[in-house]
């Protein structure tokens, strides 16, 4: 009788086990997320994703700074409340539509500006940025597919891989990063801080 009960339980549970094994793994999803995080946390991206003080940062090896070190924009500039500079000194005063040819000369791209304040992630860790990217209230109202499209096509985002002489570009490419976002979404978009199903059951 005990064997029959055990067999019945196995038959009930085994389809669920098979379904779980067939689903994309959390590890694979986190590996894809790590590719995205490497780009989003890079100085070419993060330096302008700042908070309500509206002040862009300088960080990274292009400024001779060690990982984790940063300073405010060297000209002590502010993006203002509208994030495109002050009325008397807009960002485009120095940041034209193209990079300067001079090493460390003013970089340029179409509509130079800080990211919206709700998209602040400078200095945040991987888990925090991961949750932020999935939140339409903090990612510009986008689905993850739209986040991938934004990475692939926004001219200011694309500048991160072509920052001009004297600056380290963001890792990889825009297309690879967009593909990693979509691959991450396919796995359920797990984040480093998420509990595993086993942990949730504890």
N, C-alpha and C. Protein backbone atom coordinates (compact mmCIF):
# COMPACT_ATOMS: atom_id res chain seq x y z
N UNK A 1 0.83 -1.21 0.00
CA UNK A 1 0.00 0.00 0.00
C UNK A 1 0.86 1.26 0.00
N UNK A 2 1.92 1.23 0.83
CA UNK A 2 2.82 2.39 0.89
C UNK A 2 3.46 2.64 -0.47
N UNK A 3 3.81 1.54 -1.19
CA UNK A 3 4.44 1.71 -2.50
C UNK A 3 3.46 2.36 -3.49
N UNK A 4 2.20 1.95 -3.41
CA UNK A 4 1.20 2.53 -4.31
C UNK A 4 1.03 4.03 -4.03
N UNK A 5 1.03 4.40 -2.75
CA UNK A 5 0.90 5.83 -2.40
C UNK A 5 2.11 6.62 -2.90
N UNK A 6 3.32 6.03 -2.71
CA UNK A 6 4.53 6.71 -3.16
C UNK A 6 4.53 6.88 -4.66
N UNK A 7 4.07 5.82 -5.40
CA UNK A 7 4.01 5.90 -6.86
C UNK A 7 3.03 6.98 -7.29
N UNK A 8 1.89 7.04 -6.62
CA UNK A 8 0.89 8.04 -6.96
C UNK A 8 1.43 9.45 -6.73
N UNK A 9 2.12 9.65 -5.63
CA UNK A 9 2.71 10.97 -5.36
C UNK A 9 3.73 11.34 -6.41
N UNK A 10 4.55 10.36 -6.82
CA UNK A 10 5.57 10.62 -7.83
C UNK A 10 4.94 11.05 -9.15
N UNK A 11 3.84 10.32 -9.52
CA UNK A 11 3.19 10.66 -10.79
C UNK A 11 2.55 12.05 -10.75
N UNK A 12 2.09 12.44 -9.56
CA UNK A 12 1.51 13.77 -9.42
C UNK A 12 2.56 14.87 -9.50
N UNK A 13 3.72 14.62 -8.91
CA UNK A 13 4.76 15.64 -8.81
C UNK A 13 5.63 15.71 -10.04
N UNK A 14 5.87 14.58 -10.72
CA UNK A 14 6.85 14.54 -11.80
C UNK A 14 6.56 15.50 -12.95
N UNK A 15 5.27 15.72 -13.35
CA UNK A 15 5.06 16.71 -14.43
C UNK A 15 5.56 18.09 -14.03
N UNK A 16 5.35 18.47 -12.77
CA UNK A 16 5.81 19.79 -12.31
C UNK A 16 7.33 19.87 -12.36
N UNK A 17 7.99 18.75 -11.95
CA UNK A 17 9.45 18.74 -12.00
C UNK A 17 9.94 18.88 -13.43
N UNK A 18 9.29 18.13 -14.35
CA UNK A 18 9.72 18.19 -15.75
C UNK A 18 9.53 19.59 -16.31
N UNK A 19 8.40 20.25 -15.92
CA UNK A 19 8.15 21.60 -16.42
C UNK A 19 9.20 22.58 -15.91
N UNK A 20 9.57 22.42 -14.61
CA UNK A 20 10.56 23.31 -14.04
C UNK A 20 11.91 23.13 -14.71
N UNK A 21 12.27 21.85 -14.99
CA UNK A 21 13.56 21.61 -15.63
C UNK A 21 13.59 22.16 -17.04
N UNK A 22 12.42 22.19 -17.69
CA UNK A 22 12.38 22.65 -19.08
C UNK A 22 12.40 24.17 -19.17
N UNK A 23 12.06 24.89 -18.09
CA UNK A 23 12.02 26.34 -18.15
C UNK A 23 13.44 26.91 -18.16
N UNK A 24 13.61 28.12 -18.74
CA UNK A 24 14.95 28.73 -18.74
C UNK A 24 15.45 28.90 -17.31
N UNK A 25 16.72 28.66 -17.09
CA UNK A 25 17.24 28.69 -15.74
C UNK A 25 17.46 30.11 -15.23
N UNK A 26 17.35 30.24 -13.92
CA UNK A 26 17.62 31.52 -13.29
C UNK A 26 19.07 31.93 -13.50
N UNK A 27 19.96 30.93 -13.48
CA UNK A 27 21.38 31.23 -13.66
C UNK A 27 21.64 31.83 -15.04
N UNK A 28 20.96 31.27 -16.05
CA UNK A 28 21.14 31.80 -17.41
C UNK A 28 20.62 33.23 -17.48
N UNK A 29 19.51 33.49 -16.80
CA UNK A 29 18.96 34.84 -16.79
C UNK A 29 19.89 35.82 -16.10
N UNK A 30 20.46 35.39 -14.98
CA UNK A 30 21.38 36.29 -14.26
C UNK A 30 22.65 36.55 -15.08
N UNK A 31 23.06 35.54 -15.85
CA UNK A 31 24.24 35.74 -16.71
C UNK A 31 23.96 36.82 -17.76
N UNK A 32 22.74 36.79 -18.31
CA UNK A 32 22.37 37.83 -19.29
C UNK A 32 22.25 39.19 -18.61
N UNK A 33 21.66 39.20 -17.41
CA UNK A 33 21.55 40.46 -16.68
C UNK A 33 22.94 41.05 -16.40
N UNK A 34 23.89 40.21 -16.04
CA UNK A 34 25.23 40.71 -15.74
C UNK A 34 25.84 41.44 -16.93
N UNK A 35 25.52 40.95 -18.14
CA UNK A 35 26.01 41.65 -19.35
C UNK A 35 25.39 43.06 -19.43
N UNK A 36 24.09 43.14 -19.10
CA UNK A 36 23.41 44.43 -19.15
C UNK A 36 23.95 45.36 -18.05
N UNK A 37 24.11 44.80 -16.86
CA UNK A 37 24.59 45.62 -15.73
C UNK A 37 25.99 46.18 -15.99
N UNK A 38 26.82 45.37 -16.65
CA UNK A 38 28.18 45.84 -16.94
C UNK A 38 28.14 47.12 -17.76
N UNK A 39 27.15 47.23 -18.64
CA UNK A 39 27.01 48.43 -19.47
C UNK A 39 26.36 49.56 -18.67
N UNK A 40 25.25 49.26 -17.99
CA UNK A 40 24.51 50.32 -17.29
C UNK A 40 25.33 50.96 -16.17
N UNK A 41 26.20 50.18 -15.56
CA UNK A 41 27.01 50.71 -14.45
C UNK A 41 28.31 51.33 -14.93
N UNK A 42 28.57 51.23 -16.23
CA UNK A 42 29.81 51.81 -16.77
C UNK A 42 29.71 53.34 -16.74
N UNK A 43 30.83 54.02 -16.50
CA UNK A 43 30.79 55.49 -16.44
C UNK A 43 30.14 56.15 -17.64
N UNK A 44 30.30 55.57 -18.86
CA UNK A 44 29.70 56.21 -20.04
C UNK A 44 28.19 56.26 -19.93
N UNK A 45 27.61 55.36 -19.17
CA UNK A 45 26.16 55.35 -18.98
C UNK A 45 25.77 55.98 -17.65
N UNK A 46 26.43 55.56 -16.58
CA UNK A 46 25.98 55.94 -15.23
C UNK A 46 26.23 57.41 -14.90
N UNK A 47 27.26 58.01 -15.46
CA UNK A 47 27.63 59.37 -15.05
C UNK A 47 26.51 60.40 -15.24
N UNK A 48 25.59 60.11 -16.17
CA UNK A 48 24.48 61.04 -16.40
C UNK A 48 23.16 60.52 -15.85
N UNK A 49 23.15 59.38 -15.22
CA UNK A 49 21.94 58.86 -14.56
C UNK A 49 22.03 59.21 -13.07
N UNK A 50 21.94 60.51 -12.80
CA UNK A 50 22.14 61.00 -11.43
C UNK A 50 20.82 61.46 -10.84
N UNK A 51 20.87 61.82 -9.56
CA UNK A 51 19.66 62.14 -8.82
C UNK A 51 19.24 63.59 -8.90
N UNK A 52 18.49 63.98 -7.90
CA UNK A 52 17.82 65.28 -7.91
C UNK A 52 18.76 66.46 -7.75
N UNK A 53 20.05 66.21 -7.48
CA UNK A 53 20.97 67.34 -7.44
C UNK A 53 21.32 67.84 -8.84
N UNK A 54 20.92 67.05 -9.86
CA UNK A 54 21.07 67.45 -11.28
C UNK A 54 22.53 67.69 -11.70
N UNK A 55 23.45 67.05 -10.99
CA UNK A 55 24.86 67.31 -11.30
C UNK A 55 25.51 66.05 -11.87
N UNK A 56 25.95 66.11 -13.13
CA UNK A 56 26.60 64.95 -13.73
C UNK A 56 27.91 64.62 -13.01
N UNK A 57 28.27 63.36 -13.07
CA UNK A 57 29.49 62.89 -12.41
C UNK A 57 30.58 62.61 -13.42
N UNK A 58 31.79 62.60 -12.93
CA UNK A 58 32.93 62.06 -13.65
C UNK A 58 33.43 60.88 -12.83
N UNK A 59 33.52 59.74 -13.45
CA UNK A 59 34.05 58.55 -12.78
C UNK A 59 34.71 57.66 -13.81
N UNK A 60 35.53 56.73 -13.32
CA UNK A 60 36.14 55.76 -14.20
C UNK A 60 37.54 56.11 -14.63
N UNK A 61 38.19 55.17 -15.34
CA UNK A 61 39.61 55.34 -15.71
C UNK A 61 39.87 56.48 -16.68
N UNK A 62 38.85 56.88 -17.45
CA UNK A 62 39.05 58.00 -18.38
C UNK A 62 39.38 59.29 -17.65
N UNK A 63 39.03 59.35 -16.36
CA UNK A 63 39.32 60.53 -15.55
C UNK A 63 40.41 60.24 -14.52
N UNK A 64 41.10 59.11 -14.68
CA UNK A 64 42.17 58.75 -13.75
C UNK A 64 41.67 58.35 -12.38
N UNK A 65 40.44 57.90 -12.30
CA UNK A 65 39.84 57.54 -11.03
C UNK A 65 39.72 56.03 -10.90
N UNK A 66 39.95 55.52 -9.69
CA UNK A 66 39.84 54.09 -9.42
C UNK A 66 38.36 53.70 -9.35
N UNK A 67 38.06 52.40 -9.52
CA UNK A 67 36.66 51.96 -9.39
C UNK A 67 36.06 52.42 -8.07
N UNK A 68 34.89 52.99 -8.14
CA UNK A 68 34.20 53.48 -6.95
C UNK A 68 34.46 54.95 -6.65
N UNK A 69 35.53 55.49 -7.23
CA UNK A 69 35.82 56.90 -7.01
C UNK A 69 35.07 57.76 -8.04
N UNK A 70 34.69 58.95 -7.66
CA UNK A 70 34.02 59.85 -8.59
C UNK A 70 34.15 61.28 -8.10
N UNK A 71 33.86 62.18 -8.99
CA UNK A 71 33.79 63.59 -8.64
C UNK A 71 32.69 64.24 -9.47
N UNK A 72 32.26 65.43 -9.08
CA UNK A 72 31.29 66.12 -9.90
C UNK A 72 31.95 66.55 -11.21
N UNK A 73 31.14 66.80 -12.21
CA UNK A 73 31.60 67.32 -13.51
C UNK A 73 32.65 68.40 -13.27
N UNK A 74 33.73 68.33 -14.01
CA UNK A 74 34.89 69.18 -13.73
C UNK A 74 34.60 70.66 -13.80
N UNK A 75 33.59 71.07 -14.56
CA UNK A 75 33.25 72.50 -14.66
C UNK A 75 32.19 72.87 -13.63
N UNK A 76 31.92 71.96 -12.69
CA UNK A 76 30.95 72.22 -11.62
C UNK A 76 29.59 72.61 -12.20
N UNK A 77 29.22 71.94 -13.28
CA UNK A 77 28.01 72.31 -14.03
C UNK A 77 26.79 71.64 -13.41
N UNK A 78 25.62 72.17 -13.72
CA UNK A 78 24.37 71.53 -13.29
C UNK A 78 23.46 71.38 -14.51
N UNK A 79 22.71 70.30 -14.51
CA UNK A 79 21.75 70.08 -15.60
C UNK A 79 20.46 70.85 -15.40
N UNK A 80 20.29 71.45 -14.22
CA UNK A 80 19.05 72.18 -13.95
C UNK A 80 17.87 71.22 -13.78
N UNK A 81 16.74 71.78 -13.38
CA UNK A 81 15.56 70.95 -13.14
C UNK A 81 15.06 70.26 -14.40
N UNK A 82 15.27 70.86 -15.56
CA UNK A 82 14.81 70.22 -16.80
C UNK A 82 15.86 69.28 -17.38
N UNK A 83 17.02 69.21 -16.73
CA UNK A 83 18.07 68.22 -17.04
C UNK A 83 18.81 68.49 -18.36
N UNK A 84 18.61 69.63 -18.98
CA UNK A 84 19.32 69.96 -20.21
C UNK A 84 20.20 71.19 -20.01
N UNK A 85 20.46 71.51 -18.75
CA UNK A 85 21.30 72.67 -18.45
C UNK A 85 20.47 73.85 -18.01
N UNK A 86 21.15 74.89 -17.55
CA UNK A 86 20.46 76.10 -17.15
C UNK A 86 20.06 76.92 -18.37
N UNK A 87 19.07 77.78 -18.19
CA UNK A 87 18.64 78.62 -19.31
C UNK A 87 19.80 79.45 -19.84
N UNK A 88 20.66 79.88 -18.89
CA UNK A 88 21.79 80.72 -19.30
C UNK A 88 23.00 79.90 -19.73
N UNK A 89 22.97 78.58 -19.47
CA UNK A 89 24.10 77.74 -19.83
C UNK A 89 23.62 76.31 -20.09
N UNK A 90 22.94 76.08 -21.21
CA UNK A 90 22.47 74.73 -21.52
C UNK A 90 23.63 73.79 -21.82
N UNK A 91 23.42 72.50 -21.63
CA UNK A 91 24.48 71.50 -21.87
C UNK A 91 25.06 71.64 -23.28
N UNK A 92 24.16 71.98 -24.26
CA UNK A 92 24.59 72.03 -25.65
C UNK A 92 25.53 73.19 -25.93
N UNK A 93 25.75 74.06 -24.93
CA UNK A 93 26.75 75.12 -25.11
C UNK A 93 28.11 74.51 -25.42
N UNK A 94 28.45 73.47 -24.67
CA UNK A 94 29.73 72.78 -24.90
C UNK A 94 29.53 71.46 -25.62
N UNK A 95 28.47 70.75 -25.30
CA UNK A 95 28.23 69.42 -25.89
C UNK A 95 27.45 69.57 -27.19
N UNK A 96 28.16 69.63 -28.29
CA UNK A 96 27.55 69.79 -29.60
C UNK A 96 27.02 68.44 -30.09
N UNK A 97 26.61 68.38 -31.32
CA UNK A 97 26.02 67.15 -31.85
C UNK A 97 27.06 66.10 -32.21
N UNK A 98 28.35 66.47 -32.18
CA UNK A 98 29.42 65.51 -32.47
C UNK A 98 30.54 65.69 -31.45
N UNK A 99 31.32 64.62 -31.26
CA UNK A 99 32.46 64.70 -30.36
C UNK A 99 33.52 65.68 -30.87
N UNK A 100 34.17 66.34 -29.94
CA UNK A 100 35.36 67.11 -30.31
C UNK A 100 36.45 66.13 -30.77
N UNK A 101 37.28 66.57 -31.70
CA UNK A 101 38.39 65.73 -32.17
C UNK A 101 39.54 65.69 -31.17
N UNK A 102 39.55 66.60 -30.21
CA UNK A 102 40.65 66.68 -29.26
C UNK A 102 40.49 65.67 -28.14
N UNK A 103 41.60 65.04 -27.70
CA UNK A 103 41.49 64.13 -26.56
C UNK A 103 40.87 64.84 -25.35
N UNK A 104 39.85 64.21 -24.79
CA UNK A 104 39.11 64.76 -23.65
C UNK A 104 38.41 66.08 -23.97
N UNK A 105 38.31 66.40 -25.27
CA UNK A 105 37.51 67.57 -25.64
C UNK A 105 36.04 67.29 -25.37
N UNK A 106 35.18 68.29 -25.41
CA UNK A 106 33.76 68.08 -25.09
C UNK A 106 33.14 67.00 -25.99
N UNK A 107 32.58 65.97 -25.38
CA UNK A 107 31.88 64.96 -26.18
C UNK A 107 30.56 65.51 -26.68
N UNK A 108 30.05 64.94 -27.75
CA UNK A 108 28.80 65.45 -28.31
C UNK A 108 27.91 64.36 -28.85
N UNK A 109 26.62 64.64 -28.81
CA UNK A 109 25.61 63.76 -29.39
C UNK A 109 24.32 64.55 -29.47
N UNK A 110 23.36 64.02 -30.22
CA UNK A 110 22.09 64.71 -30.39
C UNK A 110 21.39 64.86 -29.03
N UNK A 111 20.95 66.07 -28.69
CA UNK A 111 20.20 66.37 -27.47
C UNK A 111 20.95 65.88 -26.23
N UNK A 112 22.08 66.50 -25.96
CA UNK A 112 22.86 66.15 -24.77
C UNK A 112 22.09 66.56 -23.52
N UNK A 113 21.92 65.63 -22.57
CA UNK A 113 21.12 65.92 -21.38
C UNK A 113 21.34 64.83 -20.34
N UNK A 114 20.98 65.15 -19.11
CA UNK A 114 20.93 64.12 -18.07
C UNK A 114 19.71 63.24 -18.30
N UNK A 115 19.79 61.99 -17.84
CA UNK A 115 18.61 61.13 -17.87
C UNK A 115 17.57 61.68 -16.89
N UNK A 116 16.28 61.40 -17.11
CA UNK A 116 15.25 61.84 -16.15
C UNK A 116 15.60 61.38 -14.74
N UNK A 117 15.23 62.21 -13.76
CA UNK A 117 15.65 61.95 -12.38
C UNK A 117 15.15 60.61 -11.85
N UNK A 118 13.96 60.17 -12.31
CA UNK A 118 13.46 58.88 -11.84
C UNK A 118 14.31 57.72 -12.36
N UNK A 119 15.16 57.99 -13.34
CA UNK A 119 16.05 56.95 -13.87
C UNK A 119 17.44 57.04 -13.26
N UNK A 120 17.52 57.59 -12.08
CA UNK A 120 18.80 57.67 -11.36
C UNK A 120 19.27 56.28 -10.96
N UNK A 121 20.51 55.94 -11.31
CA UNK A 121 21.10 54.71 -10.78
C UNK A 121 22.59 54.84 -10.51
N UNK A 122 23.14 56.03 -10.64
CA UNK A 122 24.57 56.20 -10.35
C UNK A 122 24.85 55.73 -8.92
N UNK A 123 25.83 54.83 -8.77
CA UNK A 123 26.23 54.35 -7.45
C UNK A 123 25.38 53.23 -6.88
N UNK A 124 24.28 52.87 -7.56
CA UNK A 124 23.44 51.78 -7.05
C UNK A 124 24.05 50.43 -7.44
N UNK A 125 23.70 49.39 -6.66
CA UNK A 125 24.27 48.07 -6.96
C UNK A 125 23.43 47.34 -8.01
N UNK A 126 23.91 46.16 -8.39
CA UNK A 126 23.29 45.41 -9.47
C UNK A 126 21.83 45.08 -9.18
N UNK A 127 21.54 44.64 -7.96
CA UNK A 127 20.17 44.25 -7.62
C UNK A 127 19.22 45.45 -7.73
N UNK A 128 19.66 46.60 -7.26
CA UNK A 128 18.81 47.80 -7.29
C UNK A 128 18.53 48.25 -8.72
N UNK A 129 19.57 48.28 -9.55
CA UNK A 129 19.38 48.71 -10.94
C UNK A 129 18.51 47.71 -11.69
N UNK A 130 18.70 46.44 -11.40
CA UNK A 130 17.91 45.39 -12.06
C UNK A 130 16.42 45.61 -11.82
N UNK A 131 16.04 45.83 -10.58
CA UNK A 131 14.63 46.06 -10.27
C UNK A 131 14.15 47.35 -10.92
N UNK A 132 15.01 48.34 -10.98
CA UNK A 132 14.65 49.63 -11.56
C UNK A 132 14.35 49.51 -13.05
N UNK A 133 15.17 48.73 -13.76
CA UNK A 133 15.00 48.59 -15.20
C UNK A 133 13.68 47.90 -15.54
N UNK A 134 13.18 47.08 -14.64
CA UNK A 134 11.92 46.38 -14.89
C UNK A 134 10.71 47.22 -14.52
N UNK A 135 10.92 48.34 -13.85
CA UNK A 135 9.84 49.16 -13.31
C UNK A 135 9.52 50.30 -14.29
N UNK A 136 8.36 50.26 -14.96
CA UNK A 136 8.03 51.33 -15.92
C UNK A 136 8.04 52.72 -15.30
N UNK A 137 7.78 52.80 -13.99
CA UNK A 137 7.80 54.12 -13.35
C UNK A 137 9.21 54.67 -13.23
N UNK A 138 10.21 53.79 -13.39
CA UNK A 138 11.60 54.24 -13.24
C UNK A 138 12.47 53.89 -14.45
N UNK A 139 11.82 53.48 -15.55
CA UNK A 139 12.61 53.19 -16.76
C UNK A 139 12.12 53.97 -17.97
N UNK A 140 11.37 55.02 -17.72
CA UNK A 140 10.84 55.83 -18.83
C UNK A 140 9.54 55.28 -19.38
N UNK A 141 8.84 54.45 -18.60
CA UNK A 141 7.55 53.90 -19.04
C UNK A 141 7.67 52.83 -20.09
N UNK A 142 8.76 52.10 -20.08
CA UNK A 142 9.04 51.12 -21.15
C UNK A 142 8.83 49.68 -20.70
N UNK A 143 8.42 48.84 -21.64
CA UNK A 143 8.54 47.40 -21.47
C UNK A 143 10.01 47.04 -21.66
N UNK A 144 10.38 45.81 -21.35
CA UNK A 144 11.79 45.44 -21.56
C UNK A 144 12.13 45.42 -23.06
N UNK A 145 11.16 45.06 -23.89
CA UNK A 145 11.42 45.12 -25.34
C UNK A 145 11.69 46.57 -25.76
N UNK A 146 10.97 47.49 -25.15
CA UNK A 146 11.18 48.90 -25.47
C UNK A 146 12.50 49.41 -24.89
N UNK A 147 12.91 48.86 -23.75
CA UNK A 147 14.23 49.19 -23.21
C UNK A 147 15.31 48.75 -24.21
N UNK A 148 15.15 47.54 -24.74
CA UNK A 148 16.12 47.03 -25.72
C UNK A 148 16.14 47.93 -26.96
N UNK A 149 14.96 48.35 -27.41
CA UNK A 149 14.88 49.22 -28.59
C UNK A 149 15.52 50.58 -28.29
N UNK A 150 15.30 51.08 -27.07
CA UNK A 150 15.91 52.36 -26.67
C UNK A 150 17.43 52.26 -26.73
N UNK A 151 17.98 51.16 -26.24
CA UNK A 151 19.43 50.97 -26.27
C UNK A 151 19.93 50.91 -27.71
N UNK A 152 19.16 50.30 -28.58
CA UNK A 152 19.61 50.11 -29.97
C UNK A 152 19.54 51.37 -30.80
N UNK A 153 18.63 52.32 -30.43
CA UNK A 153 18.35 53.42 -31.36
C UNK A 153 18.54 54.82 -30.81
N UNK A 154 18.50 55.01 -29.49
CA UNK A 154 18.62 56.37 -28.96
C UNK A 154 20.02 56.91 -29.21
N UNK A 155 20.10 58.09 -29.82
CA UNK A 155 21.40 58.62 -30.24
C UNK A 155 22.32 58.92 -29.06
N UNK A 156 21.74 59.39 -27.96
CA UNK A 156 22.58 59.69 -26.80
C UNK A 156 23.08 58.39 -26.14
N UNK A 157 22.23 57.36 -26.13
CA UNK A 157 22.68 56.06 -25.60
C UNK A 157 23.79 55.49 -26.49
N UNK A 158 23.61 55.58 -27.78
CA UNK A 158 24.61 55.03 -28.71
C UNK A 158 25.96 55.72 -28.57
N UNK A 159 25.93 56.97 -28.11
CA UNK A 159 27.19 57.69 -27.92
C UNK A 159 28.10 56.93 -26.95
N UNK A 160 27.53 56.18 -26.01
CA UNK A 160 28.32 55.47 -25.01
C UNK A 160 29.34 54.52 -25.61
N UNK A 161 29.09 54.07 -26.85
CA UNK A 161 30.05 53.16 -27.50
C UNK A 161 30.94 53.92 -28.49
N UNK A 162 30.74 55.22 -28.60
CA UNK A 162 31.58 56.04 -29.48
C UNK A 162 31.83 57.37 -28.79
N UNK A 163 32.52 57.36 -27.64
CA UNK A 163 32.60 58.55 -26.80
C UNK A 163 33.69 59.55 -27.20
N UNK A 164 34.40 59.28 -28.27
CA UNK A 164 35.43 60.23 -28.67
C UNK A 164 36.78 59.93 -28.03
N UNK A 165 37.81 60.62 -28.53
CA UNK A 165 39.18 60.31 -28.07
C UNK A 165 39.37 60.60 -26.58
N UNK A 166 40.08 59.68 -25.93
CA UNK A 166 40.42 59.88 -24.52
C UNK A 166 39.41 59.30 -23.56
N UNK A 167 38.36 58.65 -24.05
CA UNK A 167 37.35 58.09 -23.15
C UNK A 167 37.14 56.61 -23.44
N UNK A 168 37.03 55.84 -22.38
CA UNK A 168 36.78 54.42 -22.52
C UNK A 168 35.32 54.20 -22.93
N UNK A 169 35.06 53.47 -24.02
CA UNK A 169 33.67 53.22 -24.41
C UNK A 169 33.01 52.20 -23.47
N UNK A 170 31.69 52.16 -23.51
CA UNK A 170 30.95 51.14 -22.77
C UNK A 170 31.32 49.75 -23.32
N UNK A 171 31.20 48.71 -22.51
CA UNK A 171 31.58 47.36 -22.97
C UNK A 171 30.68 46.87 -24.11
N UNK A 172 31.27 46.06 -24.98
CA UNK A 172 30.49 45.40 -26.04
C UNK A 172 29.96 46.36 -27.06
N UNK A 173 28.67 46.24 -27.35
CA UNK A 173 28.04 47.11 -28.34
C UNK A 173 26.58 47.30 -27.95
N UNK A 174 25.94 48.25 -28.62
CA UNK A 174 24.52 48.49 -28.37
C UNK A 174 23.69 47.26 -28.75
N UNK A 175 24.01 46.66 -29.88
CA UNK A 175 23.24 45.49 -30.34
C UNK A 175 23.39 44.32 -29.37
N UNK A 176 24.61 44.09 -28.89
CA UNK A 176 24.82 42.99 -27.94
C UNK A 176 24.08 43.25 -26.63
N UNK A 177 24.07 44.51 -26.19
CA UNK A 177 23.38 44.84 -24.94
C UNK A 177 21.87 44.69 -25.10
N UNK A 178 21.33 45.15 -26.23
CA UNK A 178 19.89 45.00 -26.48
C UNK A 178 19.53 43.52 -26.55
N UNK A 179 20.38 42.72 -27.18
CA UNK A 179 20.12 41.28 -27.26
C UNK A 179 20.15 40.65 -25.87
N UNK A 180 21.04 41.12 -25.01
CA UNK A 180 21.11 40.59 -23.64
C UNK A 180 19.86 40.94 -22.86
N UNK A 181 19.31 42.15 -23.08
CA UNK A 181 18.05 42.53 -22.41
C UNK A 181 16.93 41.57 -22.82
N UNK A 182 16.84 41.29 -24.11
CA UNK A 182 15.77 40.41 -24.60
C UNK A 182 15.98 38.98 -24.11
N UNK A 183 17.23 38.52 -24.09
CA UNK A 183 17.51 37.17 -23.59
C UNK A 183 17.22 37.08 -22.10
N UNK A 184 17.53 38.14 -21.37
CA UNK A 184 17.23 38.20 -19.93
C UNK A 184 15.72 38.13 -19.72
N UNK A 185 14.96 38.88 -20.52
CA UNK A 185 13.50 38.85 -20.42
C UNK A 185 12.96 37.44 -20.68
N UNK A 186 13.56 36.75 -21.66
CA UNK A 186 13.10 35.40 -22.01
C UNK A 186 13.20 34.44 -20.83
N UNK A 187 14.14 34.69 -19.94
CA UNK A 187 14.32 33.81 -18.78
C UNK A 187 13.47 34.24 -17.59
N UNK A 188 12.63 35.25 -17.79
CA UNK A 188 11.82 35.75 -16.68
C UNK A 188 12.42 36.96 -15.99
N UNK A 189 13.51 37.49 -16.53
CA UNK A 189 14.17 38.70 -16.01
C UNK A 189 14.47 38.61 -14.51
N UNK A 190 15.20 37.59 -14.09
CA UNK A 190 15.55 37.50 -12.66
C UNK A 190 16.55 38.58 -12.26
N UNK A 191 16.52 38.94 -10.99
CA UNK A 191 17.47 39.91 -10.45
C UNK A 191 18.31 39.27 -9.35
N UNK A 192 19.52 39.77 -9.12
CA UNK A 192 20.40 39.17 -8.11
C UNK A 192 19.77 39.06 -6.73
N UNK A 193 18.90 39.99 -6.37
CA UNK A 193 18.32 39.95 -5.04
C UNK A 193 17.09 39.08 -4.91
N UNK A 194 16.62 38.52 -6.03
CA UNK A 194 15.40 37.71 -5.98
C UNK A 194 15.62 36.45 -5.16
N UNK A 195 14.56 36.01 -4.49
CA UNK A 195 14.61 34.71 -3.83
C UNK A 195 14.36 33.62 -4.87
N UNK A 196 14.99 32.47 -4.71
CA UNK A 196 14.72 31.32 -5.56
C UNK A 196 13.38 30.72 -5.15
N UNK A 197 12.73 29.91 -6.01
CA UNK A 197 11.48 29.24 -5.62
C UNK A 197 11.63 28.46 -4.32
N UNK A 198 12.79 27.83 -4.12
CA UNK A 198 13.00 27.05 -2.89
C UNK A 198 13.02 27.97 -1.67
N UNK A 199 13.67 29.14 -1.83
CA UNK A 199 13.73 30.09 -0.72
C UNK A 199 12.35 30.65 -0.40
N UNK A 200 11.54 30.90 -1.44
CA UNK A 200 10.20 31.43 -1.22
C UNK A 200 9.33 30.44 -0.46
N UNK A 201 9.64 29.14 -0.59
CA UNK A 201 8.84 28.12 0.08
C UNK A 201 9.25 27.89 1.51
N UNK A 202 10.36 28.49 1.93
CA UNK A 202 10.84 28.26 3.30
C UNK A 202 9.97 29.00 4.30
